[in-house]
Full PDB file with SEQRES, HELIX, SHEET, SSBOND, CRYST1, ORIGX, SCALE, CONECT and MASTER records, all heavy atoms in Angstrom:
SEQRES   1 A   38  PHE THR HIS GLN HIS LEU ALA GLU ILE ARG ARG THR LEU          
SEQRES   2 A   38  VAL ALA LEU GLN PRO ASP PHE THR ALA ASP ILE ASN PHE          
SEQRES   3 A   38  ILE PRO VAL ARG GLY ASP PHE ALA ARG GLY ILE PHE              
HELIX    1 AA1 LEU A    6  LEU A   16  1                                  11    
CRYST1    1.000    1.000    1.000  90.00  90.00  90.00 P 1           1          
ORIGX1      1.000000  0.000000  0.000000        0.00000                         
ORIGX2      0.000000  1.000000  0.000000        0.00000                         
ORIGX3      0.000000  0.000000  1.000000        0.00000                         
SCALE1      1.000000  0.000000  0.000000        0.00000                         
SCALE2      0.000000  1.000000  0.000000        0.00000                         
SCALE3      0.000000  0.000000  1.000000        0.00000                         
ATOM      1  N   PHE A   1      54.216 -65.267  27.825  1.00  0.00           N  
ATOM      2  CA  PHE A   1      52.761 -65.450  27.973  1.00  0.00           C  
ATOM      3  C   PHE A   1      52.298 -66.897  27.820  1.00  0.00           C  
ATOM      4  O   PHE A   1      51.098 -67.163  27.904  1.00  0.00           O  
ATOM      5  CB  PHE A   1      51.980 -64.560  26.982  1.00  0.00           C  
ATOM      6  CG  PHE A   1      52.303 -63.107  27.083  1.00  0.00           C  
ATOM      7  CD1 PHE A   1      53.117 -62.494  26.143  1.00  0.00           C  
ATOM      8  CD2 PHE A   1      51.819 -62.334  28.135  1.00  0.00           C  
ATOM      9  CE1 PHE A   1      53.436 -61.146  26.231  1.00  0.00           C  
ATOM     10  CE2 PHE A   1      52.130 -60.990  28.237  1.00  0.00           C  
ATOM     11  CZ  PHE A   1      52.946 -60.393  27.283  1.00  0.00           C  
ATOM     12  N   THR A   2      53.210 -67.848  27.578  1.00  0.00           N  
ATOM     13  CA  THR A   2      52.795 -69.225  27.299  1.00  0.00           C  
ATOM     14  C   THR A   2      53.502 -70.252  28.181  1.00  0.00           C  
ATOM     15  O   THR A   2      53.383 -71.452  27.929  1.00  0.00           O  
ATOM     16  CB  THR A   2      53.071 -69.583  25.824  1.00  0.00           C  
ATOM     17  OG1 THR A   2      54.489 -69.530  25.571  1.00  0.00           O  
ATOM     18  CG2 THR A   2      52.348 -68.650  24.880  1.00  0.00           C  
ATOM     19  N   HIS A   3      54.231 -69.836  29.192  1.00  0.00           N  
ATOM     20  CA  HIS A   3      55.028 -70.775  29.981  1.00  0.00           C  
ATOM     21  C   HIS A   3      54.143 -71.847  30.615  1.00  0.00           C  
ATOM     22  O   HIS A   3      53.034 -71.572  31.079  1.00  0.00           O  
ATOM     23  CB  HIS A   3      55.806 -70.032  31.061  1.00  0.00           C  
ATOM     24  CG  HIS A   3      56.918 -70.829  31.655  1.00  0.00           C  
ATOM     25  ND1 HIS A   3      56.716 -71.770  32.636  1.00  0.00           N  
ATOM     26  CD2 HIS A   3      58.258 -70.845  31.389  1.00  0.00           C  
ATOM     27  CE1 HIS A   3      57.874 -72.312  32.964  1.00  0.00           C  
ATOM     28  NE2 HIS A   3      58.826 -71.775  32.224  1.00  0.00           N  
ATOM     29  N   GLN A   4      54.649 -73.081  30.653  1.00  0.00           N  
ATOM     30  CA  GLN A   4      53.866 -74.218  31.122  1.00  0.00           C  
ATOM     31  C   GLN A   4      53.461 -74.119  32.586  1.00  0.00           C  
ATOM     32  O   GLN A   4      52.485 -74.754  33.008  1.00  0.00           O  
ATOM     33  CB  GLN A   4      54.628 -75.534  30.892  1.00  0.00           C  
ATOM     34  CG  GLN A   4      55.929 -75.698  31.682  1.00  0.00           C  
ATOM     35  CD  GLN A   4      57.136 -75.123  30.957  1.00  0.00           C  
ATOM     36  OE1 GLN A   4      56.999 -74.355  29.996  1.00  0.00           O  
ATOM     37  NE2 GLN A   4      58.330 -75.500  31.415  1.00  0.00           N  
ATOM     38  N   HIS A   5      54.141 -73.324  33.391  1.00  0.00           N  
ATOM     39  CA  HIS A   5      53.792 -73.202  34.804  1.00  0.00           C  
ATOM     40  C   HIS A   5      52.556 -72.338  35.042  1.00  0.00           C  
ATOM     41  O   HIS A   5      52.020 -72.326  36.152  1.00  0.00           O  
ATOM     42  CB  HIS A   5      54.967 -72.638  35.595  1.00  0.00           C  
ATOM     43  CG  HIS A   5      56.103 -73.595  35.744  1.00  0.00           C  
ATOM     44  ND1 HIS A   5      57.257 -73.285  36.430  1.00  0.00           N  
ATOM     45  CD2 HIS A   5      56.287 -74.859  35.278  1.00  0.00           C  
ATOM     46  CE1 HIS A   5      58.087 -74.314  36.377  1.00  0.00           C  
ATOM     47  NE2 HIS A   5      57.522 -75.268  35.685  1.00  0.00           N  
ATOM     48  N   LEU A   6      52.104 -71.638  34.023  1.00  0.00           N  
ATOM     49  CA  LEU A   6      50.918 -70.795  34.191  1.00  0.00           C  
ATOM     50  C   LEU A   6      49.696 -71.600  34.613  1.00  0.00           C  
ATOM     51  O   LEU A   6      48.873 -71.127  35.399  1.00  0.00           O  
ATOM     52  CB  LEU A   6      50.624 -70.031  32.897  1.00  0.00           C  
ATOM     53  CG  LEU A   6      51.496 -68.800  32.629  1.00  0.00           C  
ATOM     54  CD1 LEU A   6      51.307 -68.307  31.203  1.00  0.00           C  
ATOM     55  CD2 LEU A   6      51.180 -67.688  33.631  1.00  0.00           C  
ATOM     56  N   ALA A   7      49.568 -72.810  34.093  1.00  0.00           N  
ATOM     57  CA  ALA A   7      48.384 -73.622  34.396  1.00  0.00           C  
ATOM     58  C   ALA A   7      48.301 -73.938  35.885  1.00  0.00           C  
ATOM     59  O   ALA A   7      47.231 -73.808  36.500  1.00  0.00           O  
ATOM     60  CB  ALA A   7      48.405 -74.909  33.572  1.00  0.00           C  
ATOM     61  N   GLU A   8      49.410 -74.348  36.489  1.00  0.00           N  
ATOM     62  CA  GLU A   8      49.355 -74.696  37.909  1.00  0.00           C  
ATOM     63  C   GLU A   8      49.203 -73.449  38.781  1.00  0.00           C  
ATOM     64  O   GLU A   8      48.559 -73.503  39.833  1.00  0.00           O  
ATOM     65  CB  GLU A   8      50.569 -75.523  38.328  1.00  0.00           C  
ATOM     66  CG  GLU A   8      51.916 -74.843  38.136  1.00  0.00           C  
ATOM     67  CD  GLU A   8      53.081 -75.770  38.460  1.00  0.00           C  
ATOM     68  OE1 GLU A   8      53.380 -75.963  39.657  1.00  0.00           O  
ATOM     69  OE2 GLU A   8      53.701 -76.282  37.505  1.00  0.00           O  
ATOM     70  N   ILE A   9      49.792 -72.324  38.334  1.00  0.00           N  
ATOM     71  CA  ILE A   9      49.602 -71.080  39.080  1.00  0.00           C  
ATOM     72  C   ILE A   9      48.123 -70.711  39.127  1.00  0.00           C  
ATOM     73  O   ILE A   9      47.571 -70.407  40.191  1.00  0.00           O  
ATOM     74  CB  ILE A   9      50.424 -69.942  38.446  1.00  0.00           C  
ATOM     75  CG1 ILE A   9      51.917 -70.222  38.567  1.00  0.00           C  
ATOM     76  CG2 ILE A   9      50.079 -68.600  39.094  1.00  0.00           C  
ATOM     77  CD1 ILE A   9      52.793 -69.293  37.731  1.00  0.00           C  
ATOM     78  N   ARG A  10      47.479 -70.766  37.975  1.00  0.00           N  
ATOM     79  CA  ARG A  10      46.062 -70.394  37.922  1.00  0.00           C  
ATOM     80  C   ARG A  10      45.205 -71.353  38.739  1.00  0.00           C  
ATOM     81  O   ARG A  10      44.276 -70.924  39.433  1.00  0.00           O  
ATOM     82  CB  ARG A  10      45.573 -70.344  36.468  1.00  0.00           C  
ATOM     83  CG  ARG A  10      44.102 -69.937  36.352  1.00  0.00           C  
ATOM     84  CD  ARG A  10      43.696 -69.634  34.926  1.00  0.00           C  
ATOM     85  NE  ARG A  10      44.332 -68.428  34.437  1.00  0.00           N  
ATOM     86  CZ  ARG A  10      43.904 -67.204  34.722  1.00  0.00           C  
ATOM     87  NH1 ARG A  10      42.833 -67.023  35.498  1.00  0.00           N  
ATOM     88  NH2 ARG A  10      44.522 -66.154  34.242  1.00  0.00           N  
ATOM     89  N   ARG A  11      45.493 -72.650  38.699  1.00  0.00           N  
ATOM     90  CA  ARG A  11      44.708 -73.606  39.477  1.00  0.00           C  
ATOM     91  C   ARG A  11      44.746 -73.266  40.965  1.00  0.00           C  
ATOM     92  O   ARG A  11      43.715 -73.297  41.649  1.00  0.00           O  
ATOM     93  CB  ARG A  11      45.225 -75.028  39.250  1.00  0.00           C  
ATOM     94  CG  ARG A  11      44.684 -75.701  38.004  1.00  0.00           C  
ATOM     95  CD  ARG A  11      44.977 -77.187  38.005  1.00  0.00           C  
ATOM     96  NE  ARG A  11      46.394 -77.492  37.985  1.00  0.00           N  
ATOM     97  CZ  ARG A  11      47.105 -77.673  36.882  1.00  0.00           C  
ATOM     98  NH1 ARG A  11      46.527 -77.568  35.692  1.00  0.00           N  
ATOM     99  NH2 ARG A  11      48.391 -77.965  36.941  1.00  0.00           N  
ATOM    100  N   THR A  12      45.925 -72.943  41.472  1.00  0.00           N  
ATOM    101  CA  THR A  12      46.054 -72.613  42.890  1.00  0.00           C  
ATOM    102  C   THR A  12      45.306 -71.326  43.230  1.00  0.00           C  
ATOM    103  O   THR A  12      44.585 -71.255  44.237  1.00  0.00           O  
ATOM    104  CB  THR A  12      47.532 -72.466  43.277  1.00  0.00           C  
ATOM    105  OG1 THR A  12      48.210 -73.703  43.048  1.00  0.00           O  
ATOM    106  CG2 THR A  12      47.682 -72.078  44.740  1.00  0.00           C  
ATOM    107  N   LEU A  13      45.462 -70.309  42.403  1.00  0.00           N  
ATOM    108  CA  LEU A  13      44.812 -69.029  42.686  1.00  0.00           C  
ATOM    109  C   LEU A  13      43.293 -69.148  42.635  1.00  0.00           C  
ATOM    110  O   LEU A  13      42.593 -68.583  43.482  1.00  0.00           O  
ATOM    111  CB  LEU A  13      45.298 -67.968  41.698  1.00  0.00           C  
ATOM    112  CG  LEU A  13      46.795 -67.631  41.750  1.00  0.00           C  
ATOM    113  CD1 LEU A  13      47.139 -66.567  40.712  1.00  0.00           C  
ATOM    114  CD2 LEU A  13      47.221 -67.180  43.147  1.00  0.00           C  
ATOM    115  N   VAL A  14      42.789 -69.892  41.662  1.00  0.00           N  
ATOM    116  CA  VAL A  14      41.336 -70.063  41.551  1.00  0.00           C  
ATOM    117  C   VAL A  14      40.794 -70.891  42.715  1.00  0.00           C  
ATOM    118  O   VAL A  14      39.679 -70.650  43.194  1.00  0.00           O  
ATOM    119  CB  VAL A  14      40.972 -70.702  40.193  1.00  0.00           C  
ATOM    120  CG1 VAL A  14      39.511 -71.110  40.153  1.00  0.00           C  
ATOM    121  CG2 VAL A  14      41.278 -69.731  39.054  1.00  0.00           C  
ATOM    122  N   ALA A  15      41.566 -71.860  43.190  1.00  0.00           N  
ATOM    123  CA  ALA A  15      41.127 -72.631  44.350  1.00  0.00           C  
ATOM    124  C   ALA A  15      40.980 -71.745  45.579  1.00  0.00           C  
ATOM    125  O   ALA A  15      40.077 -71.946  46.401  1.00  0.00           O  
ATOM    126  CB  ALA A  15      42.117 -73.764  44.623  1.00  0.00           C  
ATOM    127  N   LEU A  16      41.850 -70.746  45.697  1.00  0.00           N  
ATOM    128  CA  LEU A  16      41.770 -69.812  46.821  1.00  0.00           C  
ATOM    129  C   LEU A  16      40.740 -68.719  46.580  1.00  0.00           C  
ATOM    130  O   LEU A  16      40.074 -68.265  47.518  1.00  0.00           O  
ATOM    131  CB  LEU A  16      43.140 -69.172  47.059  1.00  0.00           C  
ATOM    132  CG  LEU A  16      44.232 -70.077  47.629  1.00  0.00           C  
ATOM    133  CD1 LEU A  16      45.569 -69.344  47.638  1.00  0.00           C  
ATOM    134  CD2 LEU A  16      43.888 -70.534  49.039  1.00  0.00           C  
ATOM    135  N   GLN A  17      40.620 -68.274  45.337  1.00  0.00           N  
ATOM    136  CA  GLN A  17      39.709 -67.188  44.976  1.00  0.00           C  
ATOM    137  C   GLN A  17      38.938 -67.604  43.724  1.00  0.00           C  
ATOM    138  O   GLN A  17      39.372 -67.327  42.602  1.00  0.00           O  
ATOM    139  CB  GLN A  17      40.487 -65.888  44.722  1.00  0.00           C  
ATOM    140  CG  GLN A  17      39.592 -64.697  44.422  1.00  0.00           C  
ATOM    141  CD  GLN A  17      40.368 -63.415  44.172  1.00  0.00           C  
ATOM    142  OE1 GLN A  17      41.413 -63.193  44.777  1.00  0.00           O  
ATOM    143  NE2 GLN A  17      39.870 -62.558  43.293  1.00  0.00           N  
ATOM    144  N   PRO A  18      37.810 -68.285  43.893  1.00  0.00           N  
ATOM    145  CA  PRO A  18      37.090 -68.856  42.744  1.00  0.00           C  
ATOM    146  C   PRO A  18      36.669 -67.853  41.681  1.00  0.00           C  
ATOM    147  O   PRO A  18      36.490 -68.228  40.511  1.00  0.00           O  
ATOM    148  CB  PRO A  18      35.859 -69.511  43.399  1.00  0.00           C  
ATOM    149  CG  PRO A  18      36.312 -69.822  44.794  1.00  0.00           C  
ATOM    150  CD  PRO A  18      37.219 -68.701  45.174  1.00  0.00           C  
ATOM    151  N   ASP A  19      36.533 -66.577  42.034  1.00  0.00           N  
ATOM    152  CA  ASP A  19      36.101 -65.591  41.041  1.00  0.00           C  
ATOM    153  C   ASP A  19      37.275 -64.946  40.296  1.00  0.00           C  
ATOM    154  O   ASP A  19      37.087 -63.983  39.546  1.00  0.00           O  
ATOM    155  CB  ASP A  19      35.230 -64.516  41.686  1.00  0.00           C  
ATOM    156  CG  ASP A  19      35.985 -63.646  42.703  1.00  0.00           C  
ATOM    157  OD1 ASP A  19      37.143 -64.000  43.035  1.00  0.00           O  
ATOM    158  OD2 ASP A  19      35.407 -62.645  43.160  1.00  0.00           O  
ATOM    159  N   PHE A  20      38.485 -65.463  40.483  1.00  0.00           N  
ATOM    160  CA  PHE A  20      39.638 -64.898  39.783  1.00  0.00           C  
ATOM    161  C   PHE A  20      39.634 -65.338  38.320  1.00  0.00           C  
ATOM    162  O   PHE A  20      39.788 -66.520  38.001  1.00  0.00           O  
ATOM    163  CB  PHE A  20      40.942 -65.334  40.446  1.00  0.00           C  
ATOM    164  CG  PHE A  20      42.175 -64.865  39.713  1.00  0.00           C  
ATOM    165  CD1 PHE A  20      42.470 -63.508  39.627  1.00  0.00           C  
ATOM    166  CD2 PHE A  20      43.019 -65.771  39.083  1.00  0.00           C  
ATOM    167  CE1 PHE A  20      43.598 -63.063  38.949  1.00  0.00           C  
ATOM    168  CE2 PHE A  20      44.142 -65.338  38.398  1.00  0.00           C  
ATOM    169  CZ  PHE A  20      44.427 -63.988  38.324  1.00  0.00           C  
ATOM    170  N   THR A  21      39.461 -64.388  37.426  1.00  0.00           N  
ATOM    171  CA  THR A  21      39.423 -64.678  35.990  1.00  0.00           C  
ATOM    172  C   THR A  21      40.367 -63.796  35.191  1.00  0.00           C  
ATOM    173  O   THR A  21      40.425 -63.900  33.966  1.00  0.00           O  
ATOM    174  CB  THR A  21      37.992 -64.492  35.440  1.00  0.00           C  
ATOM    175  OG1 THR A  21      37.570 -63.143  35.678  1.00  0.00           O  
ATOM    176  CG2 THR A  21      37.020 -65.462  36.089  1.00  0.00           C  
ATOM    177  N   ALA A  22      41.093 -62.930  35.865  1.00  0.00           N  
ATOM    178  CA  ALA A  22      41.976 -61.989  35.162  1.00  0.00           C  
ATOM    179  C   ALA A  22      43.166 -62.716  34.537  1.00  0.00           C  
ATOM    180  O   ALA A  22      43.462 -63.871  34.847  1.00  0.00           O  
ATOM    181  CB  ALA A  22      42.461 -60.917  36.130  1.00  0.00           C  
ATOM    182  N   ASP A  23      43.847 -62.023  33.653  1.00  0.00           N  
ATOM    183  CA  ASP A  23      45.018 -62.591  32.990  1.00  0.00           C  
ATOM    184  C   ASP A  23      46.228 -62.585  33.918  1.00  0.00           C  
ATOM    185  O   ASP A  23      46.376 -61.709  34.773  1.00  0.00           O  
ATOM    186  CB  ASP A  23      45.363 -61.786  31.730  1.00  0.00           C  
ATOM    187  CG  ASP A  23      44.350 -61.985  30.616  1.00  0.00           C  
ATOM    188  OD1 ASP A  23      43.674 -63.038  30.603  1.00  0.00           O  
ATOM    189  OD2 ASP A  23      44.238 -61.086  29.762  1.00  0.00           O  
ATOM    190  N   ILE A  24      47.104 -63.574  33.707  1.00  0.00           N  
ATOM    191  CA  ILE A  24      48.430 -63.585  34.327  1.00  0.00           C  
ATOM    192  C   ILE A  24      49.428 -63.421  33.194  1.00  0.00           C  
ATOM    193  O   ILE A  24      49.634 -64.335  32.388  1.00  0.00           O  
ATOM    194  CB  ILE A  24      48.692 -64.897  35.089  1.00  0.00           C  
ATOM    195  CG1 ILE A  24      47.591 -65.162  36.113  1.00  0.00           C  
ATOM    196  CG2 ILE A  24      50.061 -64.849  35.772  1.00  0.00           C  
ATOM    197  CD1 ILE A  24      47.666 -66.541  36.754  1.00  0.00           C  
ATOM    198  N   ASN A  25      49.994 -62.246  33.092  1.00  0.00           N  
ATOM    199  CA  ASN A  25      50.911 -61.921  32.001  1.00  0.00           C  
ATOM    200  C   ASN A  25      52.342 -62.170  32.458  1.00  0.00           C  
ATOM    201  O   ASN A  25      52.926 -61.366  33.189  1.00  0.00           O  
ATOM    202  CB  ASN A  25      50.731 -60.459  31.583  1.00  0.00           C  
ATOM    203  CG  ASN A  25      49.308 -60.178  31.133  1.00  0.00           C  
ATOM    204  OD1 ASN A  25      48.773 -60.873  30.283  1.00  0.00           O  
ATOM    205  ND2 ASN A  25      48.686 -59.163  31.720  1.00  0.00           N  
ATOM    206  N   PHE A  26      52.905 -63.293  32.022  1.00  0.00           N  
ATOM    207  CA  PHE A  26      54.177 -63.770  32.541  1.00  0.00           C  
ATOM    208  C   PHE A  26      55.262 -63.715  31.470  1.00  0.00           C  
ATOM    209  O   PHE A  26      55.124 -64.334  30.416  1.00  0.00           O  
ATOM    210  CB  PHE A  26      54.001 -65.201  33.061  1.00  0.00           C  
ATOM    211  CG  PHE A  26      55.264 -65.868  33.543  1.00  0.00           C  
ATOM    212  CD1 PHE A  26      56.319 -65.139  34.076  1.00  0.00           C  
ATOM    213  CD2 PHE A  26      55.375 -67.250  33.476  1.00  0.00           C  
ATOM    214  CE1 PHE A  26      57.475 -65.769  34.519  1.00  0.00           C  
ATOM    215  CE2 PHE A  26      56.528 -67.891  33.916  1.00  0.00           C  
ATOM    216  CZ  PHE A  26      57.580 -67.150  34.433  1.00  0.00           C  
ATOM    217  N   ILE A  27      56.322 -62.969  31.762  1.00  0.00           N  
ATOM    218  CA  ILE A  27      57.488 -62.879  30.879  1.00  0.00           C  
ATOM    219  C   ILE A  27      58.669 -63.565  31.573  1.00  0.00           C  
ATOM    220  O   ILE A  27      59.272 -63.003  32.492  1.00  0.00           O  
ATOM    221  CB  ILE A  27      57.860 -61.411  30.572  1.00  0.00           C  
ATOM    222  CG1 ILE A  27      56.652 -60.632  30.050  1.00  0.00           C  
ATOM    223  CG2 ILE A  27      59.019 -61.372  29.569  1.00  0.00           C  
ATOM    224  CD1 ILE A  27      56.119 -61.127  28.732  1.00  0.00           C  
ATOM    225  N   PRO A  28      59.018 -64.802  31.175  1.00  0.00           N  
ATOM    226  CA  PRO A  28      60.187 -65.472  31.743  1.00  0.00           C  
ATOM    227  C   PRO A  28      61.467 -64.978  31.059  1.00  0.00           C  
ATOM    228  O   PRO A  28      61.483 -64.759  29.845  1.00  0.00           O  
ATOM    229  CB  PRO A  28      59.946 -66.957  31.441  1.00  0.00           C  
ATOM    230  CG  PRO A  28      58.580 -67.033  30.808  1.00  0.00           C  
ATOM    231  CD  PRO A  28      58.260 -65.679  30.275  1.00  0.00           C  
ATOM    232  N   VAL A  29      62.522 -64.843  31.837  1.00  0.00           N  
ATOM    233  CA  VAL A  29      63.794 -64.333  31.326  1.00  0.00           C  
ATOM    234  C   VAL A  29      64.915 -65.304  31.705  1.00  0.00           C  
ATOM    235  O   VAL A  29      65.006 -65.730  32.863  1.00  0.00           O  
ATOM    236  CB  VAL A  29      64.102 -62.931  31.893  1.00  0.00           C  
ATOM    237  CG1 VAL A  29      65.428 -62.406  31.357  1.00  0.00           C  
ATOM    238  CG2 VAL A  29      62.961 -61.964  31.577  1.00  0.00           C  
ATOM    239  N   ARG A  30      65.761 -65.625  30.724  1.00  0.00           N  
ATOM    240  CA  ARG A  30      66.962 -66.407  31.012  1.00  0.00           C  
ATOM    241  C   ARG A  30      68.027 -65.475  31.583  1.00  0.00           C  
ATOM    242  O   ARG A  30      68.410 -64.491  30.956  1.00  0.00           O  
ATOM    243  CB  ARG A  30      67.515 -67.044  29.737  1.00  0.00           C  
ATOM    244  CG  ARG A  30      66.591 -68.017  29.031  1.00  0.00           C  
ATOM    245  CD  ARG A  30      67.306 -68.580  27.808  1.00  0.00           C  
ATOM    246  NE  ARG A  30      66.479 -69.478  27.018  1.00  0.00           N  
ATOM    247  CZ  ARG A  30      65.791 -69.121  25.944  1.00  0.00           C  
ATOM    248  NH1 ARG A  30      65.825 -67.847  25.544  1.00  0.00           N  
ATOM    249  NH2 ARG A  30      65.069 -69.996  25.281  1.00  0.00           N  
ATOM    250  N   GLY A  31      68.516 -65.798  32.780  1.00  0.00           N  
ATOM    251  CA  GLY A  31      69.555 -64.996  33.401  1.00  0.00           C  
ATOM    252  C   GLY A  31      70.937 -65.519  33.089  1.00  0.00           C  
ATOM    253  O   GLY A  31      71.104 -66.655  32.625  1.00  0.00           O  
ATOM    254  N   ASP A  32      71.947 -64.710  33.365  1.00  0.00           N  
ATOM    255  CA  ASP A  32      73.331 -65.105  33.091  1.00  0.00           C  
ATOM    256  C   ASP A  32      74.019 -65.607  34.351  1.00  0.00           C  
ATOM    257  O   ASP A  32      75.200 -65.348  34.584  1.00  0.00           O  
ATOM    258  CB  ASP A  32      74.108 -63.947  32.463  1.00  0.00           C  
ATOM    259  CG  ASP A  32      74.245 -62.756  33.401  1.00  0.00           C  
ATOM    260  OD1 ASP A  32      73.474 -62.678  34.376  1.00  0.00           O  
ATOM    261  OD2 ASP A  32      75.124 -61.912  33.164  1.00  0.00           O  
ATOM    262  N   PHE A  33      73.286 -66.323  35.197  1.00  0.00           N  
ATOM    263  CA  PHE A  33      73.815 -66.896  36.429  1.00  0.00           C  
ATOM    264  C   PHE A  33      73.328 -68.350  36.509  1.00  0.00           C  
ATOM    265  O   PHE A  33      72.426 -68.751  35.768  1.00  0.00           O  
ATOM    266  CB  PHE A  33      73.361 -66.096  37.651  1.00  0.00           C  
ATOM    267  CG  PHE A  33      71.879 -65.811  37.668  1.00  0.00           C  
ATOM    268  CD1 PHE A  33      70.980 -66.692  38.254  1.00  0.00           C  
ATOM    269  CD2 PHE A  33      71.371 -64.649  37.093  1.00  0.00           C  
ATOM    270  CE1 PHE A  33      69.619 -66.433  38.250  1.00  0.00           C  
ATOM    271  CE2 PHE A  33      70.011 -64.374  37.089  1.00  0.00           C  
ATOM    272  CZ  PHE A  33      69.133 -65.272  37.668  1.00  0.00           C  
ATOM    273  N   ALA A  34      73.908 -69.112  37.412  1.00  0.00           N  
ATOM    274  CA  ALA A  34      73.619 -70.548  37.442  1.00  0.00           C  
ATOM    275  C   ALA A  34      72.330 -70.901  38.168  1.00  0.00           C  
ATOM    276  O   ALA A  34      71.555 -71.733  37.699  1.00  0.00           O  
ATOM    277  CB  ALA A  34      74.791 -71.308  38.074  1.00  0.00           C  
ATOM    278  N   ARG A  35      72.083 -70.271  39.316  1.00  0.00           N  
ATOM    279  CA  ARG A  35      70.929 -70.719  40.107  1.00  0.00           C  
ATOM    280  C   ARG A  35      70.241 -69.541  40.782  1.00  0.00           C  
ATOM    281  O   ARG A  35      70.863 -68.558  41.154  1.00  0.00           O  
ATOM    282  CB  ARG A  35      71.344 -71.771  41.136  1.00  0.00           C  
ATOM    283  CG  ARG A  35      72.406 -71.330  42.104  1.00  0.00           C  
ATOM    284  CD  ARG A  35      73.007 -72.522  42.834  1.00  0.00           C  
ATOM    285  NE  ARG A  35      72.014 -73.271  43.585  1.00  0.00           N  
ATOM    286  CZ  ARG A  35      72.206 -74.529  44.011  1.00  0.00           C  
ATOM    287  NH1 ARG A  35      73.320 -75.166  43.733  1.00  0.00           N  
ATOM    288  NH2 ARG A  35      71.277 -75.139  44.710  1.00  0.00           N  
ATOM    289  N   GLY A  36      68.924 -69.700  40.960  1.00  0.00           N  
ATOM    290  CA  GLY A  36      68.110 -68.681  41.587  1.00  0.00           C  
ATOM    291  C   GLY A  36      66.985 -68.233  40.674  1.00  0.00           C  
ATOM    292  O   GLY A  36      67.064 -68.374  39.446  1.00  0.00           O  
ATOM    293  N   ILE A  37      65.902 -67.728  41.277  1.00  0.00           N  
ATOM    294  CA  ILE A  37      64.804 -67.095  40.552  1.00  0.00           C  
ATOM    295  C   ILE A  37      64.466 -65.796  41.276  1.00  0.00           C  
ATOM    296  O   ILE A  37      64.337 -65.770  42.504  1.00  0.00           O  
ATOM    297  CB  ILE A  37      63.552 -67.993  40.465  1.00  0.00           C  
ATOM    298  CG1 ILE A  37      63.795 -69.151  39.505  1.00  0.00           C  
ATOM    299  CG2 ILE A  37      62.334 -67.184  40.034  1.00  0.00           C  
ATOM    300  CD1 ILE A  37      62.624 -70.118  39.401  1.00  0.00           C  
ATOM    301  N   PHE A  38      64.341 -64.742  40.508  1.00  0.00           N  
ATOM    302  CA  PHE A  38      63.967 -63.434  41.040  1.00  0.00           C  
ATOM    303  C   PHE A  38      62.715 -62.999  40.288  1.00  0.00           C  
ATOM    304  O   PHE A  38      62.765 -62.741  39.082  1.00  0.00           O  
ATOM    305  CB  PHE A  38      65.105 -62.436  40.836  1.00  0.00           C  
ATOM    306  CG  PHE A  38      64.979 -61.181  41.645  1.00  0.00           C  
ATOM    307  CD1 PHE A  38      65.305 -61.174  42.990  1.00  0.00           C  
ATOM    308  CD2 PHE A  38      64.546 -60.002  41.063  1.00  0.00           C  
ATOM    309  CE1 PHE A  38      65.210 -60.011  43.753  1.00  0.00           C  
ATOM    310  CE2 PHE A  38      64.443 -58.843  41.805  1.00  0.00           C  
ATOM    311  CZ  PHE A  38      64.777 -58.842  43.155  1.00  0.00           C  
TER     312      PHE A  38                                                      
MASTER        0    0    0    1    0    0    0    6  311    1    0    3          
END                                                                             
């Protein structure tokens, strides 16, 4: 819920949809592989 990328995600979404005020509930997970994001 505190990842640093949340700020830029919200800025982009609000720029597209100015009335967006809902929460973005983000759970980042460390995977056991070298590269990729799912």
